[in-house]
C-alpha cells in the first residue's frame, strides 16, 4: 500500500486513480493523519458469479424447495 500526502494526491489525482484502478491501494494523509484509503474497484458481477458457483458446488436439487411431508402445488 502506498501512502501519499493530500497535496501530492490533488496534484496528481489522475495518476493515483489509474494506479488504484490497476489494483494498488493508496492511503491519503494530511499532517500524518489518515484521511482516506483509495482501493481498486470491485467487479460486483464477477463477485456474485463466484458466490453462486460456490453455492452451486455444495447445493442439491430440491435442497431448499422440497417439502418435508406434503405435496406442493408448485412442484406439480
PDB file of N, CA and C in Angstrom:
ATOM      1  N   UNK A   1       0.845  -1.175   0.000  1.00  0.00           N
ATOM      2  CA  UNK A   1       0.000   0.000   0.000  1.00  0.00           C
ATOM      3  C   UNK A   1       0.887   1.233   0.000  1.00  0.00           C
ATOM      4  N   UNK A   2       0.549   2.155  -0.869  1.00  0.00           N
ATOM      5  CA  UNK A   2       1.298   3.393  -0.994  1.00  0.00           C
ATOM      6  C   UNK A   2       0.619   4.484  -0.168  1.00  0.00           C
ATOM      7  N   UNK A   3       1.420   5.312   0.517  1.00  0.00           N
ATOM      8  CA  UNK A   3       0.899   6.430   1.291  1.00  0.00           C
ATOM      9  C   UNK A   3       1.332   7.720   0.621  1.00  0.00           C
ATOM     10  N   UNK A   4       0.382   8.643   0.460  1.00  0.00           N
ATOM     11  CA  UNK A   4       0.675   9.907  -0.215  1.00  0.00           C
ATOM     12  C   UNK A   4      -0.017  11.042   0.534  1.00  0.00           C
ATOM     13  N   UNK A   5       0.650  12.202   0.582  1.00  0.00           N
ATOM     14  CA  UNK A   5       0.097  13.389   1.215  1.00  0.00           C
ATOM     15  C   UNK A   5      -1.019  13.951   0.333  1.00  0.00           C
ATOM     16  N   UNK A   6      -1.995  14.610   0.949  1.00  0.00           N
ATOM     17  CA  UNK A   6      -3.149  15.135   0.226  1.00  0.00           C
ATOM     18  C   UNK A   6      -2.751  16.098  -0.883  1.00  0.00           C
ATOM     19  N   UNK A   7      -1.763  16.933  -0.657  1.00  0.00           N
ATOM     20  CA  UNK A   7      -1.356  17.894  -1.694  1.00  0.00           C
ATOM     21  C   UNK A   7      -0.766  17.171  -2.905  1.00  0.00           C
ATOM     22  N   UNK A   8       0.026  16.144  -2.666  1.00  0.00           N
ATOM     23  CA  UNK A   8       0.567  15.325  -3.756  1.00  0.00           C
ATOM     24  C   UNK A   8      -0.566  14.589  -4.478  1.00  0.00           C
ATOM     25  N   UNK A   9      -1.529  14.092  -3.712  1.00  0.00           N
ATOM     26  CA  UNK A   9      -2.670  13.381  -4.297  1.00  0.00           C
ATOM     27  C   UNK A   9      -3.473  14.315  -5.202  1.00  0.00           C
ATOM     28  N   UNK A  10      -3.753  15.529  -4.733  1.00  0.00           N
ATOM     29  CA  UNK A  10      -4.503  16.502  -5.536  1.00  0.00           C
ATOM     30  C   UNK A  10      -3.763  16.857  -6.828  1.00  0.00           C
ATOM     31  N   UNK A  11      -2.457  17.065  -6.695  1.00  0.00           N
ATOM     32  CA  UNK A  11      -1.663  17.482  -7.847  1.00  0.00           C
ATOM     33  C   UNK A  11      -1.582  16.393  -8.917  1.00  0.00           C
ATOM     34  N   UNK A  12      -1.679  15.138  -8.504  1.00  0.00           N
ATOM     35  CA  UNK A  12      -1.540  14.021  -9.440  1.00  0.00           C
ATOM     36  C   UNK A  12      -2.715  13.053  -9.334  1.00  0.00           C
ATOM     37  N   UNK A  13      -3.904  13.601  -9.210  1.00  0.00           N
ATOM     38  CA  UNK A  13      -5.100  12.801  -8.988  1.00  0.00           C
ATOM     39  C   UNK A  13      -5.269  11.696 -10.023  1.00  0.00           C
ATOM     40  N   UNK A  14      -5.183  12.010 -11.290  1.00  0.00           N
ATOM     41  CA  UNK A  14      -5.399  11.018 -12.342  1.00  0.00           C
ATOM     42  C   UNK A  14      -4.387   9.875 -12.238  1.00  0.00           C
ATOM     43  N   UNK A  15      -3.149  10.205 -11.954  1.00  0.00           N
ATOM     44  CA  UNK A  15      -2.103   9.183 -11.824  1.00  0.00           C
ATOM     45  C   UNK A  15      -2.454   8.195 -10.700  1.00  0.00           C
ATOM     46  N   UNK A  16      -2.885   8.714  -9.560  1.00  0.00           N
ATOM     47  CA  UNK A  16      -3.201   7.843  -8.425  1.00  0.00           C
ATOM     48  C   UNK A  16      -4.481   7.051  -8.650  1.00  0.00           C
ATOM     49  N   UNK A  17      -5.454   7.645  -9.328  1.00  0.00           N
ATOM     50  CA  UNK A  17      -6.674   6.903  -9.638  1.00  0.00           C
ATOM     51  C   UNK A  17      -6.398   5.776 -10.632  1.00  0.00           C
ATOM     52  N   UNK A  18      -5.509   6.020 -11.569  1.00  0.00           N
ATOM     53  CA  UNK A  18      -5.120   4.959 -12.510  1.00  0.00           C
ATOM     54  C   UNK A  18      -4.399   3.827 -11.778  1.00  0.00           C
ATOM     55  N   UNK A  19      -3.559   4.173 -10.811  1.00  0.00           N
ATOM     56  CA  UNK A  19      -2.883   3.145 -10.007  1.00  0.00           C
ATOM     57  C   UNK A  19      -3.905   2.312  -9.233  1.00  0.00           C
ATOM     58  N   UNK A  20      -4.894   2.982  -8.644  1.00  0.00           N
ATOM     59  CA  UNK A  20      -5.933   2.265  -7.904  1.00  0.00           C
ATOM     60  C   UNK A  20      -6.724   1.364  -8.845  1.00  0.00           C
ATOM     61  N   UNK A  21      -7.024   1.859 -10.024  1.00  0.00           N
ATOM     62  CA  UNK A  21      -7.775   1.069 -10.994  1.00  0.00           C
ATOM     63  C   UNK A  21      -7.002  -0.171 -11.427  1.00  0.00           C
ATOM     64  N   UNK A  22      -5.673  -0.102 -11.398  1.00  0.00           N
ATOM     65  CA  UNK A  22      -4.862  -1.249 -11.788  1.00  0.00           C
ATOM     66  C   UNK A  22      -4.595  -2.210 -10.625  1.00  0.00           C
ATOM     67  N   UNK A  23      -5.127  -1.905  -9.437  1.00  0.00           N
ATOM     68  CA  UNK A  23      -5.030  -2.851  -8.333  1.00  0.00           C
ATOM     69  C   UNK A  23      -4.306  -2.371  -7.088  1.00  0.00           C
ATOM     70  N   UNK A  24      -3.702  -1.198  -7.122  1.00  0.00           N
ATOM     71  CA  UNK A  24      -2.970  -0.694  -5.953  1.00  0.00           C
ATOM     72  C   UNK A  24      -3.920  -0.033  -4.952  1.00  0.00           C
ATOM     73  N   UNK A  25      -3.578  -0.116  -3.676  1.00  0.00           N
ATOM     74  CA  UNK A  25      -4.278   0.630  -2.639  1.00  0.00           C
ATOM     75  C   UNK A  25      -3.442   1.847  -2.287  1.00  0.00           C
ATOM     76  N   UNK A  26      -4.104   2.977  -2.082  1.00  0.00           N
ATOM     77  CA  UNK A  26      -3.396   4.214  -1.784  1.00  0.00           C
ATOM     78  C   UNK A  26      -4.006   4.844  -0.544  1.00  0.00           C
ATOM     79  N   UNK A  27      -3.163   5.154   0.440  1.00  0.00           N
ATOM     80  CA  UNK A  27      -3.604   5.863   1.641  1.00  0.00           C
ATOM     81  C   UNK A  27      -3.297   7.342   1.457  1.00  0.00           C
ATOM     82  N   UNK A  28      -4.283   8.181   1.711  1.00  0.00           N
ATOM     83  CA  UNK A  28      -4.115   9.625   1.580  1.00  0.00           C
ATOM     84  C   UNK A  28      -4.070  10.213   2.987  1.00  0.00           C
ATOM     85  N   UNK A  29      -3.028  11.004   3.264  1.00  0.00           N
ATOM     86  CA  UNK A  29      -2.838  11.573   4.601  1.00  0.00           C
ATOM     87  C   UNK A  29      -2.763  13.093   4.546  1.00  0.00           C
ATOM     88  N   UNK A  30      -2.986  13.692   5.704  1.00  0.00           N
ATOM     89  CA  UNK A  30      -2.785  15.128   5.877  1.00  0.00           C
ATOM     90  C   UNK A  30      -2.157  15.321   7.252  1.00  0.00           C
ATOM     91  N   UNK A  31      -0.990  15.911   7.284  1.00  0.00           N
ATOM     92  CA  UNK A  31      -0.238  16.092   8.527  1.00  0.00           C
ATOM     93  C   UNK A  31      -0.057  14.768   9.266  1.00  0.00           C
ATOM     94  N   UNK A  32       0.169  13.708   8.524  1.00  0.00           N
ATOM     95  CA  UNK A  32       0.405  12.397   9.122  1.00  0.00           C
ATOM     96  C   UNK A  32      -0.850  11.656   9.543  1.00  0.00           C
ATOM     97  N   UNK A  33      -2.013  12.271   9.379  1.00  0.00           N
ATOM     98  CA  UNK A  33      -3.280  11.647   9.770  1.00  0.00           C
ATOM     99  C   UNK A  33      -3.953  11.050   8.534  1.00  0.00           C
ATOM    100  N   UNK A  34      -4.369   9.804   8.639  1.00  0.00           N
ATOM    101  CA  UNK A  34      -5.023   9.121   7.531  1.00  0.00           C
ATOM    102  C   UNK A  34      -6.377   9.757   7.240  1.00  0.00           C
ATOM    103  N   UNK A  35      -6.584  10.174   5.995  1.00  0.00           N
ATOM    104  CA  UNK A  35      -7.851  10.772   5.577  1.00  0.00           C
ATOM    105  C   UNK A  35      -8.730   9.771   4.834  1.00  0.00           C
ATOM    106  N   UNK A  36      -8.083   8.981   3.963  1.00  0.00           N
ATOM    107  CA  UNK A  36      -8.857   8.055   3.135  1.00  0.00           C
ATOM    108  C   UNK A  36      -7.948   6.964   2.599  1.00  0.00           C
ATOM    109  N   UNK A  37      -8.567   5.868   2.219  1.00  0.00           N
ATOM    110  CA  UNK A  37      -7.861   4.800   1.529  1.00  0.00           C
ATOM    111  C   UNK A  37      -8.573   4.579   0.205  1.00  0.00           C
ATOM    112  N   UNK A  38      -7.831   4.710  -0.874  1.00  0.00           N
ATOM    113  CA  UNK A  38      -8.377   4.509  -2.210  1.00  0.00           C
ATOM    114  C   UNK A  38      -8.067   3.061  -2.598  1.00  0.00           C
ATOM    115  N   UNK A  39      -9.110   2.310  -2.938  1.00  0.00           N
ATOM    116  CA  UNK A  39      -8.946   0.898  -3.269  1.00  0.00           C
ATOM    117  C   UNK A  39      -9.400   0.626  -4.699  1.00  0.00           C
ATOM    118  N   UNK A  40      -8.958  -0.482  -5.268  1.00  0.00           N
ATOM    119  CA  UNK A  40      -9.398  -0.830  -6.622  1.00  0.00           C
ATOM    120  C   UNK A  40     -10.905  -1.071  -6.647  1.00  0.00           C
ATOM    121  N   UNK A  41     -11.537  -0.821  -7.787  1.00  0.00           N
ATOM    122  CA  UNK A  41     -12.971  -1.067  -7.885  1.00  0.00           C
ATOM    123  C   UNK A  41     -13.285  -2.556  -7.786  1.00  0.00           C
ATOM    124  N   UNK A  42     -14.466  -2.862  -7.263  1.00  0.00           N
ATOM    125  CA  UNK A  42     -14.905  -4.239  -7.123  1.00  0.00           C
ATOM    126  C   UNK A  42     -15.835  -4.571  -8.289  1.00  0.00           C
ATOM    127  N   UNK A  43     -15.554  -5.668  -8.970  1.00  0.00           N
ATOM    128  CA  UNK A  43     -16.420  -6.120 -10.048  1.00  0.00           C
ATOM    129  C   UNK A  43     -17.565  -6.903  -9.410  1.00  0.00           C
ATOM    130  N   UNK A  44     -18.690  -6.231  -9.170  1.00  0.00           N
ATOM    131  CA  UNK A  44     -19.805  -6.843  -8.454  1.00  0.00           C
ATOM    132  C   UNK A  44     -20.373  -8.035  -9.207  1.00  0.00           C
ATOM    133  N   UNK A  45     -20.416  -7.968 -10.514  1.00  0.00           N
ATOM    134  CA  UNK A  45     -20.957  -9.075 -11.298  1.00  0.00           C
ATOM    135  C   UNK A  45     -20.097 -10.329 -11.115  1.00  0.00           C
ATOM    136  N   UNK A  46     -18.783 -10.177 -11.208  1.00  0.00           N
ATOM    137  CA  UNK A  46     -17.883 -11.330 -11.063  1.00  0.00           C
ATOM    138  C   UNK A  46     -17.922 -11.869  -9.641  1.00  0.00           C
ATOM    139  N   UNK A  47     -18.008 -10.986  -8.647  1.00  0.00           N
ATOM    140  CA  UNK A  47     -18.110 -11.414  -7.256  1.00  0.00           C
ATOM    141  C   UNK A  47     -19.374 -12.238  -7.045  1.00  0.00           C
ATOM    142  N   UNK A  48     -20.494 -11.784  -7.606  1.00  0.00           N
ATOM    143  CA  UNK A  48     -21.761 -12.520  -7.484  1.00  0.00           C
ATOM    144  C   UNK A  48     -21.670 -13.881  -8.168  1.00  0.00           C
ATOM    145  N   UNK A  49     -21.038 -13.922  -9.343  1.00  0.00           N
ATOM    146  CA  UNK A  49     -20.883 -15.203 -10.057  1.00  0.00           C
ATOM    147  C   UNK A  49     -20.052 -16.184  -9.234  1.00  0.00           C
ATOM    148  N   UNK A  50     -18.984 -15.708  -8.612  1.00  0.00           N
ATOM    149  CA  UNK A  50     -18.145 -16.571  -7.784  1.00  0.00           C
ATOM    150  C   UNK A  50     -18.932 -17.113  -6.597  1.00  0.00           C
ATOM    151  N   UNK A  51     -19.744 -16.280  -5.975  1.00  0.00           N
ATOM    152  CA  UNK A  51     -20.558 -16.731  -4.850  1.00  0.00           C
ATOM    153  C   UNK A  51     -21.572 -17.774  -5.296  1.00  0.00           C
ATOM    154  N   UNK A  52     -22.186 -17.575  -6.460  1.00  0.00           N
ATOM    155  CA  UNK A  52     -23.147 -18.549  -6.977  1.00  0.00           C
ATOM    156  C   UNK A  52     -22.465 -19.880  -7.316  1.00  0.00           C
ATOM    157  N   UNK A  53     -21.262 -19.808  -7.891  1.00  0.00           N
ATOM    158  CA  UNK A  53     -20.513 -21.047  -8.180  1.00  0.00           C
ATOM    159  C   UNK A  53     -20.212 -21.807  -6.899  1.00  0.00           C
ATOM    160  N   UNK A  54     -19.856 -21.085  -5.867  1.00  0.00           N
ATOM    161  CA  UNK A  54     -19.564 -21.719  -4.577  1.00  0.00           C
ATOM    162  C   UNK A  54     -20.815 -22.390  -4.016  1.00  0.00           C
ATOM    163  N   UNK A  55     -21.944 -21.710  -4.082  1.00  0.00           N
ATOM    164  CA  UNK A  55     -23.202 -22.299  -3.610  1.00  0.00           C
ATOM    165  C   UNK A  55     -23.599 -23.505  -4.457  1.00  0.00           C
ATOM    166  N   UNK A  56     -23.416 -23.397  -5.770  1.00  0.00           N
ATOM    167  CA  UNK A  56     -23.803 -24.487  -6.669  1.00  0.00           C
ATOM    168  C   UNK A  56     -22.982 -25.745  -6.415  1.00  0.00           C
ATOM    169  N   UNK A  57     -21.755 -25.585  -5.992  1.00  0.00           N
ATOM    170  CA  UNK A  57     -20.914 -26.757  -5.766  1.00  0.00           C
ATOM    171  C   UNK A  57     -21.330 -27.549  -4.531  1.00  0.00           C
ATOM    172  N   UNK A  58     -22.079 -26.920  -3.623  1.00  0.00           N
ATOM    173  CA  UNK A  58     -22.475 -27.623  -2.400  1.00  0.00           C
ATOM    174  C   UNK A  58     -23.976 -27.870  -2.294  1.00  0.00           C
ATOM    175  N   UNK A  59     -24.758 -27.320  -3.216  1.00  0.00           N
ATOM    176  CA  UNK A  59     -26.209 -27.481  -3.117  1.00  0.00           C
ATOM    177  C   UNK A  59     -26.689 -28.721  -3.869  1.00  0.00           C
ATOM    178  N   UNK A  60     -27.914 -29.120  -3.569  1.00  0.00           N
ATOM    179  CA  UNK A  60     -28.538 -30.266  -4.221  1.00  0.00           C
ATOM    180  C   UNK A  60     -29.871 -29.815  -4.794  1.00  0.00           C
ATOM    181  N   UNK A  61     -30.295 -30.449  -5.863  1.00  0.00           N
ATOM    182  CA  UNK A  61     -31.584 -30.124  -6.452  1.00  0.00           C
ATOM    183  C   UNK A  61     -32.666 -30.397  -5.419  1.00  0.00           C
ATOM    184  N   UNK A  62     -33.600 -29.491  -5.320  1.00  0.00           N
ATOM    185  CA  UNK A  62     -34.698 -29.541  -4.357  1.00  0.00           C
ATOM    186  C   UNK A  62     -34.204 -29.412  -2.910  1.00  0.00           C
ATOM    187  N   UNK A  63     -32.999 -28.970  -2.728  1.00  0.00           N
ATOM    188  CA  UNK A  63     -32.420 -28.844  -1.402  1.00  0.00           C
ATOM    189  C   UNK A  63     -33.261 -27.913  -0.513  1.00  0.00           C
ATOM    190  N   UNK A  64     -33.741 -26.825  -1.074  1.00  0.00           N
ATOM    191  CA  UNK A  64     -34.474 -25.846  -0.285  1.00  0.00           C
ATOM    192  C   UNK A  64     -35.977 -25.957  -0.511  1.00  0.00           C
ATOM    193  N   UNK A  65     -36.385 -26.353  -1.696  1.00  0.00           N
ATOM    194  CA  UNK A  65     -37.809 -26.308  -2.036  1.00  0.00           C
ATOM    195  C   UNK A  65     -38.561 -27.604  -1.800  1.00  0.00           C
ATOM    196  N   UNK A  66     -37.870 -28.687  -1.522  1.00  0.00           N
ATOM    197  CA  UNK A  66     -38.556 -29.956  -1.338  1.00  0.00           C
ATOM    198  C   UNK A  66     -39.340 -29.955  -0.025  1.00  0.00           C
ATOM    199  N   UNK A  67     -40.659 -30.212  -0.093  1.00  0.00           N
ATOM    200  CA  UNK A  67     -41.449 -30.267   1.137  1.00  0.00           C
ATOM    201  C   UNK A  67     -41.073 -31.497   1.957  1.00  0.00           C
ATOM    202  N   UNK A  68     -41.257 -31.397   3.231  1.00  0.00           N
ATOM    203  CA  UNK A  68     -40.868 -32.493   4.100  1.00  0.00           C
ATOM    204  C   UNK A  68     -41.897 -33.613   4.153  1.00  0.00           C
ATOM    205  N   UNK A  69     -43.174 -33.272   4.153  1.00  0.00           N
ATOM    206  CA  UNK A  69     -44.165 -34.348   4.296  1.00  0.00           C
ATOM    207  C   UNK A  69     -45.430 -34.145   3.480  1.00  0.00           C
ATOM    208  N   UNK A  70     -45.491 -33.124   2.650  1.00  0.00           N
ATOM    209  CA  UNK A  70     -46.710 -32.910   1.855  1.00  0.00           C
ATOM    210  C   UNK A  70     -46.356 -32.455   0.453  1.00  0.00           C
ATOM    211  N   UNK A  71     -47.300 -32.649  -0.473  1.00  0.00           N
ATOM    212  CA  UNK A  71     -47.098 -32.211  -1.840  1.00  0.00           C
ATOM    213  C   UNK A  71     -47.353 -30.716  -1.944  1.00  0.00           C
ATOM    214  N   UNK A  72     -46.556 -30.067  -2.757  1.00  0.00           N
ATOM    215  CA  UNK A  72     -46.736 -28.650  -3.007  1.00  0.00           C
ATOM    216  C   UNK A  72     -47.301 -28.496  -4.403  1.00  0.00           C
ATOM    217  N   UNK A  73     -48.220 -27.575  -4.574  1.00  0.00           N
ATOM    218  CA  UNK A  73     -48.782 -27.313  -5.892  1.00  0.00           C
ATOM    219  C   UNK A  73     -47.713 -26.810  -6.860  1.00  0.00           C
ATOM    220  N   UNK A  74     -46.722 -26.105  -6.355  1.00  0.00           N
ATOM    221  CA  UNK A  74     -45.678 -25.534  -7.206  1.00  0.00           C
ATOM    222  C   UNK A  74     -44.831 -26.612  -7.863  1.00  0.00           C
ATOM    223  N   UNK A  75     -44.741 -27.783  -7.273  1.00  0.00           N
ATOM    224  CA  UNK A  75     -43.920 -28.847  -7.830  1.00  0.00           C
ATOM    225  C   UNK A  75     -44.702 -29.722  -8.812  1.00  0.00           C
ATOM    226  N   UNK A  76     -45.983 -29.522  -8.930  1.00  0.00           N
ATOM    227  CA  UNK A  76     -46.809 -30.330  -9.829  1.00  0.00           C
ATOM    228  C   UNK A  76     -46.758 -29.824 -11.246  1.00  0.00           C
TER     229      UNK A  76
END
